[in-house]
Amino acid sequence: MRLQDQLQRTHATKGILSTIPHRVRIEFLCRCADILLAMESKILKSNAKDLELARNLNLSTSMLERLELNPKKLENMAESLRQIAEFPDPLNKILSGFSNYCGLKIEKVSVPLGVVAVIYESRPNVTSDVVALCFKSGNACVLKGGKEAQNSNEAIMEVFYEALNAFNLPKDSMVLLPAMKDREELKEILGAKGLIDLVIPRGGEGLINFVSENAKIPVIKQDKGVCHIFAHHTCKVESAISVIVNAKTSRPSVCNACETLLVDSVFAREFLPLVAKALCEKGTLLKGCAKSCVLLAESGIACVEIPFSEYHREYGENILNLRVVEGLQGALEHISIFSSGHSEAILSEDYSVIEEFLNAVDCACVYANASTRFSDGGEFGYGAEVGISTAKIHARGPMGVESLTSYKYKIRGDYQTR
């Protein structure tokens, strides 16, 4: 089927999805969770094919980590489906209401966005998360995954197609498109004005930039995650080291992993060797400014010196940049230059310093004394997310079902004229 024909058919399902009773949406997603677990063997076999192809293509360790599924991940996906099912209905909520000077009764009511397109790479669990969040919020969805995960994505979509058939709902309401051979194929999607209401790209910097530059429809970006942690000299040292090690090494491939550690110069000589030793025990490669390298060399710890411009990089690997800064102002200056607007954190016991950091840093998620790894729809209680928005318009941070709604005004009158 031609893409335009498919998009027209998907667009036509909007009216059906937006009027499905909430009780039915709950039952549908719970049924999907059961089917997903029942299809575990088939999904894992499909994923094994993708992993074999990915290894033959010499994809990076981080890409393989994002691509791999296992029974535990499938259990988590099913649990996310159940959590999303049980959320309150995000539709038809009266957000506000008032009467104007001439007696018009005006209500602001939540409604679906319409058709949401998500373009993503590697992670097949995104398929399940996006479909569930879109269905819960009454939206049709169009998915375009990377070729490295196509077999896995197709197997996961069979879960939802089986449920759609059981509930007598249109299959065209949730569509997985063929894997793209190159990014030029995306232009037809990005130009589908009137058929797609929103596109969300999730992936590397190249994909994000391509979508942003070529889209003729609204875009919400999940930009790269250049996340920082600033260790202030008042922090609890052992606890701070634990947070830093978690933020970098628990899953280095994800966008909420820490990429740069900023260390207050007041205690850098004492603190840096301690945190570096803990990181090296986890296999972290350290890179940093000249001062960081000198201080670590005194303790016999290797650190590769990097130029200032290198702090823009998102590694997605177990690599951490270090920089010694002059107190809070030095940290804020660095973050203002290099932050991608995703997640930033401070480790400190000084309340005034913490509050200044929380107020001054301009990004989606700002933490005090916690790991950046909490920037996640599941951790925020949303069950999952369609992306972590680094934009400021419409949605910011982890995007759950509420972020997939808009609103309209319902106005009731008594034949008033103006």
Foldseek 3Di string as FASTA:
>chain_A
DDPVVLLVVLLVQLVVLQPDDLVVLLVLLLQLLVLLLVCVVQLQVLLVVLLVVCVVVVDDPLLSVQQHDDNVNSNLLSVLSNLLSPDPQLFQDFPDWDADPVGKTKTKTKTFLGEEEEEEERHLSLLSQVVSLQSSRSYQYEYEYAPSRVSSNVSSLVSSVVSCVVVVHDSSSYYYDPHDPDCVVCLVVLAPPPRHAEYEYYYAQVRQVSSVVRHPHHYFYQYAAAEEEEEAPAFDQVLVLVQLLCLQQVQPQDRLRHAEYEYAPVCCLPRLCVSLVVLVVSVAAAEEDPVSQVSNVVVVGHYHYDDLVVSQDRDSDRYHYYYYAHGLVRVLVSCVPRGLQAEYEYGHPDVVSQVVQVVRHRHQYYYYSHHSVCQFCVSVSQSGASHAGRDDPQDHTGHGSNSRIDIDMDIDDDPDDD
